[in-house]
C-alpha atoms as a PDB file:
ATOM      1  CA  MET A   1      14.017 -26.661 -90.221  1.00  0.00           C
ATOM      2  CA  ARG A   2      10.921 -24.341 -90.040  1.00  0.00           C
ATOM      3  CA  MET A   3       9.913 -25.212 -93.475  1.00  0.00           C
ATOM      4  CA  LEU A   4      10.529 -29.390 -92.980  1.00  0.00           C
ATOM      5  CA  MET A   5       7.965 -28.821 -89.855  1.00  0.00           C
ATOM      6  CA  VAL A   6       5.201 -27.001 -92.215  1.00  0.00           C
ATOM      7  CA  ALA A   7       5.839 -29.562 -94.976  1.00  0.00           C
ATOM      8  CA  LEU A   8       5.381 -32.476 -92.557  1.00  0.00           C
ATOM      9  CA  TYR A   9       2.264 -30.684 -91.098  1.00  0.00           C
ATOM     10  CA  VAL A  10       0.835 -30.380 -94.331  1.00  0.00           C
ATOM     11  CA  ILE A  11       1.929 -34.228 -95.509  1.00  0.00           C
ATOM     12  CA  CYS A  12       0.197 -35.225 -91.785  1.00  0.00           C
ATOM     13  CA  GLY A  13      -2.708 -33.330 -92.656  1.00  0.00           C
ATOM     14  CA  ILE A  14      -3.200 -34.369 -95.850  1.00  0.00           C
ATOM     15  CA  GLY A  15      -2.965 -37.887 -94.673  1.00  0.00           C
ATOM     16  CA  ILE A  16      -5.220 -37.340 -91.755  1.00  0.00           C
ATOM     17  CA  ALA A  17      -7.763 -35.733 -94.332  1.00  0.00           C
ATOM     18  CA  SER A  18      -7.421 -38.588 -96.636  1.00  0.00           C
ATOM     19  CA  ALA A  19      -7.419 -41.038 -93.627  1.00  0.00           C
ATOM     20  CA  GLN A  20     -11.444 -40.794 -94.051  1.00  0.00           C
ATOM     21  CA  SER A  21     -12.199 -42.817 -97.485  1.00  0.00           C
ATOM     22  CA  ASP A  22     -15.067 -41.843 -99.400  1.00  0.00           C
ATOM     23  CA  SER A  23     -16.930 -44.716 -97.873  1.00  0.00           C
ATOM     24  CA  ASP A  24     -16.754 -43.367 -94.438  1.00  0.00           C
ATOM     25  CA  ARG A  25     -17.682 -40.162 -95.894  1.00  0.00           C
ATOM     26  CA  ALA A  26     -20.617 -41.779 -97.192  1.00  0.00           C
ATOM     27  CA  ARG A  27     -21.517 -44.004 -94.024  1.00  0.00           C
ATOM     28  CA  ILE A  28     -21.279 -40.647 -92.275  1.00  0.00           C
ATOM     29  CA  GLU A  29     -23.441 -38.573 -94.470  1.00  0.00           C
ATOM     30  CA  ASN A  30     -25.873 -41.375 -94.154  1.00  0.00           C
ATOM     31  CA  VAL A  31     -25.846 -41.635 -90.540  1.00  0.00           C
ATOM     32  CA  ILE A  32     -26.509 -37.780 -90.222  1.00  0.00           C
ATOM     33  CA  SER A  33     -29.183 -37.935 -93.099  1.00  0.00           C
ATOM     34  CA  SER A  34     -30.851 -40.668 -91.608  1.00  0.00           C
ATOM     35  CA  GLN A  35     -30.909 -39.180 -87.800  1.00  0.00           C
ATOM     36  CA  LEU A  36     -32.401 -35.706 -89.613  1.00  0.00           C
ATOM     37  CA  ASP A  37     -35.039 -37.978 -91.336  1.00  0.00           C
ATOM     38  CA  ALA A  38     -35.900 -39.682 -88.175  1.00  0.00           C
ATOM     39  CA  PHE A  39     -36.288 -36.154 -86.215  1.00  0.00           C
ATOM     40  CA  VAL A  40     -38.725 -35.288 -88.813  1.00  0.00           C
ATOM     41  CA  VAL A  41     -41.315 -37.882 -88.655  1.00  0.00           C
ATOM     42  CA  ASP A  42     -40.701 -38.120 -84.600  1.00  0.00           C
ATOM     43  CA  ASP A  43     -39.355 -41.257 -84.520  1.00  0.00           C
ATOM     44  CA  GLY A  44     -37.085 -40.838 -81.148  1.00  0.00           C
ATOM     45  CA  GLU A  45     -36.231 -44.887 -80.984  1.00  0.00           C
ATOM     46  CA  ARG A  46     -34.262 -44.308 -84.475  1.00  0.00           C
ATOM     47  CA  ALA A  47     -32.736 -40.997 -83.817  1.00  0.00           C
ATOM     48  CA  PHE A  48     -31.407 -42.104 -80.679  1.00  0.00           C
ATOM     49  CA  SER A  49     -30.015 -45.112 -82.274  1.00  0.00           C
ATOM     50  CA  TYR A  50     -27.403 -42.826 -84.209  1.00  0.00           C
ATOM     51  CA  ALA A  51     -26.082 -41.441 -81.031  1.00  0.00           C
ATOM     52  CA  ALA A  52     -22.741 -42.751 -80.083  1.00  0.00           C
ATOM     53  CA  PRO A  53     -22.624 -44.493 -76.256  1.00  0.00           C
ATOM     54  CA  VAL A  54     -21.156 -41.387 -74.590  1.00  0.00           C
ATOM     55  CA  ILE A  55     -24.699 -39.369 -75.649  1.00  0.00           C
ATOM     56  CA  ARG A  56     -26.770 -42.477 -75.188  1.00  0.00           C
ATOM     57  CA  ARG A  57     -25.363 -42.375 -71.621  1.00  0.00           C
ATOM     58  CA  MET A  58     -25.941 -39.228 -70.989  1.00  0.00           C
ATOM     59  CA  PHE A  59     -29.746 -39.015 -71.842  1.00  0.00           C
ATOM     60  CA  GLY A  60     -30.887 -42.680 -70.904  1.00  0.00           C
ATOM     61  CA  ASP A  61     -33.354 -42.891 -73.421  1.00  0.00           C
ATOM     62  CA  GLU A  62     -35.109 -41.589 -76.097  1.00  0.00           C
ATOM     63  CA  GLN A  63     -37.633 -39.439 -74.510  1.00  0.00           C
ATOM     64  CA  ARG A  64     -34.746 -37.373 -72.840  1.00  0.00           C
ATOM     65  CA  PHE A  65     -32.975 -37.217 -76.275  1.00  0.00           C
ATOM     66  CA  MET A  66     -35.767 -36.073 -77.977  1.00  0.00           C
ATOM     67  CA  ALA A  67     -37.177 -33.600 -75.360  1.00  0.00           C
ATOM     68  CA  MET A  68     -33.508 -32.082 -75.396  1.00  0.00           C
ATOM     69  CA  VAL A  69     -33.203 -31.860 -79.687  1.00  0.00           C
ATOM     70  CA  ARG A  70     -36.640 -30.556 -79.677  1.00  0.00           C
ATOM     71  CA  SER A  71     -35.870 -27.443 -77.277  1.00  0.00           C
ATOM     72  CA  GLY A  72     -32.108 -26.914 -77.717  1.00  0.00           C
ATOM     73  CA  TYR A  73     -31.808 -27.840 -81.668  1.00  0.00           C
ATOM     74  CA  PRO A  74     -34.843 -26.768 -83.367  1.00  0.00           C
ATOM     75  CA  PRO A  75     -33.349 -26.309 -86.878  1.00  0.00           C
ATOM     76  CA  VAL A  76     -32.013 -29.898 -86.180  1.00  0.00           C
ATOM     77  CA  TYR A  77     -35.147 -31.098 -85.242  1.00  0.00           C
ATOM     78  CA  ARG A  78     -37.281 -29.684 -88.253  1.00  0.00           C
ATOM     79  CA  PRO A  79     -34.782 -29.019 -91.141  1.00  0.00           C
ATOM     80  CA  ALA A  80     -36.249 -27.995 -94.008  1.00  0.00           C
ATOM     81  CA  SER A  81     -33.119 -28.918 -96.003  1.00  0.00           C
ATOM     82  CA  HIS A  82     -29.494 -29.853 -95.454  1.00  0.00           C
ATOM     83  CA  ALA A  83     -26.418 -30.001 -97.503  1.00  0.00           C
ATOM     84  CA  PHE A  84     -23.073 -31.444 -96.343  1.00  0.00           C
ATOM     85  CA  GLY A  85     -19.861 -29.103 -96.179  1.00  0.00           C
ATOM     86  CA  ARG A  86     -16.303 -30.770 -95.070  1.00  0.00           C
ATOM     87  CA  LEU A  87     -15.267 -33.265 -93.482  1.00  0.00           C
ATOM     88  CA  ARG A  88     -12.311 -32.825 -91.251  1.00  0.00           C
ATOM     89  CA  GLU A  89     -10.329 -33.550 -87.905  1.00  0.00           C
ATOM     90  CA  ALA A  90     -10.523 -31.361 -84.989  1.00  0.00           C
ATOM     91  CA  PRO A  91      -8.963 -31.511 -81.677  1.00  0.00           C
ATOM     92  CA  GLU A  92     -12.684 -33.215 -80.907  1.00  0.00           C
ATOM     93  CA  GLY A  93     -12.135 -35.769 -83.615  1.00  0.00           C
ATOM     94  CA  ILE A  94     -13.825 -36.060 -86.810  1.00  0.00           C
ATOM     95  CA  LEU A  95     -16.059 -32.996 -87.650  1.00  0.00           C
ATOM     96  CA  GLN A  96     -18.713 -32.913 -90.768  1.00  0.00           C
ATOM     97  CA  GLU A  97     -20.107 -29.441 -91.089  1.00  0.00           C
ATOM     98  CA  VAL A  98     -23.734 -29.651 -92.203  1.00  0.00           C
ATOM     99  CA  LEU A  99     -25.433 -26.216 -93.769  1.00  0.00           C
ATOM    100  CA  ILE A 100     -29.371 -26.435 -92.067  1.00  0.00           C
ATOM    101  CA  GLN A 101     -31.837 -24.146 -93.549  1.00  0.00           C
ATOM    102  CA  ASP A 102     -34.878 -24.236 -90.834  1.00  0.00           C
ATOM    103  CA  ALA A 103     -38.762 -23.835 -91.864  1.00  0.00           C
ATOM    104  CA  SER A 104     -38.388 -19.992 -91.493  1.00  0.00           C
ATOM    105  CA  GLY A 105     -35.437 -19.944 -94.091  1.00  0.00           C
ATOM    106  CA  GLU A 106     -32.752 -19.400 -91.542  1.00  0.00           C
ATOM    107  CA  GLU A 107     -29.582 -20.803 -92.059  1.00  0.00           C
ATOM    108  CA  TRP A 108     -27.456 -22.829 -89.765  1.00  0.00           C
ATOM    109  CA  LEU A 109     -24.246 -24.540 -89.410  1.00  0.00           C
ATOM    110  CA  ALA A 110     -24.072 -27.943 -87.597  1.00  0.00           C
ATOM    111  CA  LEU A 111     -20.970 -29.141 -86.711  1.00  0.00           C
ATOM    112  CA  TYR A 112     -21.287 -32.972 -86.227  1.00  0.00           C
ATOM    113  CA  THR A 113     -18.734 -34.721 -83.712  1.00  0.00           C
ATOM    114  CA  MET A 114     -18.373 -38.612 -85.412  1.00  0.00           C
ATOM    115  CA  GLU A 115     -17.425 -41.485 -83.474  1.00  0.00           C
ATOM    116  CA  GLN A 116     -15.870 -44.486 -85.439  1.00  0.00           C
ATOM    117  CA  GLN A 117     -16.973 -47.667 -83.392  1.00  0.00           C
ATOM    118  CA  PRO A 118     -15.197 -50.564 -82.845  1.00  0.00           C
ATOM    119  CA  ASP A 119     -16.922 -52.751 -85.759  1.00  0.00           C
ATOM    120  CA  GLY A 120     -15.913 -49.903 -88.079  1.00  0.00           C
ATOM    121  CA  SER A 121     -19.648 -48.125 -88.090  1.00  0.00           C
ATOM    122  CA  TRP A 122     -19.689 -44.507 -87.551  1.00  0.00           C
ATOM    123  CA  LEU A 123     -22.155 -42.759 -84.593  1.00  0.00           C
ATOM    124  CA  ILE A 124     -23.047 -38.988 -83.859  1.00  0.00           C
ATOM    125  CA  ALA A 125     -20.812 -38.106 -80.305  1.00  0.00           C
ATOM    126  CA  GLY A 126     -21.928 -34.582 -80.636  1.00  0.00           C
ATOM    127  CA  CYS A 127     -23.439 -31.707 -82.612  1.00  0.00           C
ATOM    128  CA  ARG A 128     -22.640 -28.064 -82.066  1.00  0.00           C
ATOM    129  CA  LEU A 129     -25.516 -25.326 -83.771  1.00  0.00           C
ATOM    130  CA  LEU A 130     -24.312 -21.574 -85.172  1.00  0.00           C
ATOM    131  CA  ARG A 131     -26.313 -19.564 -86.989  1.00  0.00           C
ATOM    132  CA  ARG A 132     -24.904 -18.410 -90.310  1.00  0.00           C
ATOM    133  CA  PRO A 133     -25.138 -14.703 -90.326  1.00  0.00           C
ATOM    134  CA  GLY A 134     -27.236 -13.290 -93.223  1.00  0.00           C
ATOM    135  CA  ILE A 135     -25.686 -11.125 -96.131  1.00  0.00           C
ATOM    136  CA  GLY A 136     -26.772  -8.295 -96.565  1.00  0.00           C
ATOM    137  CA  ALA A 137     -28.308  -6.243 -99.306  1.00  0.00           C
END
C-alpha cells in the first residue's frame, strides 16, 4: 500500500510539474526578466505592472513599491546578471527559482511566487531572497 501511495505521489508530482507548459515557463521567465529590466532603469510604473493584485493592494502605488524593493531587495533592484533555475509547485504556489549576481559579485537565490491571472497571464505575487553561501577554497 505504501508503494502505491509513493507511486501515486510521484505520478501526481510529475503531473503538477508538467502542468506548467513550456509556454507558461517562457511567459513566467519573461515577466520576471521584464520586471528586473524595469528596476535597472528605475521604471517604477512598468516594474509595478508585473506585480499581482495582492502586491498592488499591499503597496498602493509604484513609489512605495520601488522604495521597498530598493531598501529590502538590492540584488533584485540592481542585478548584474540573472539566470533561471527550476520552476516548481510549492505550498505557496508556483515558484520560479532565479539565480542573481549582484554588482559586487555576490550570488543570491530569488524565489518568485507566481500567480496565474484569470486571463491566463502570470504576475509576481512575492519574492523571497536568500544569500547563496560562497564556496570555500
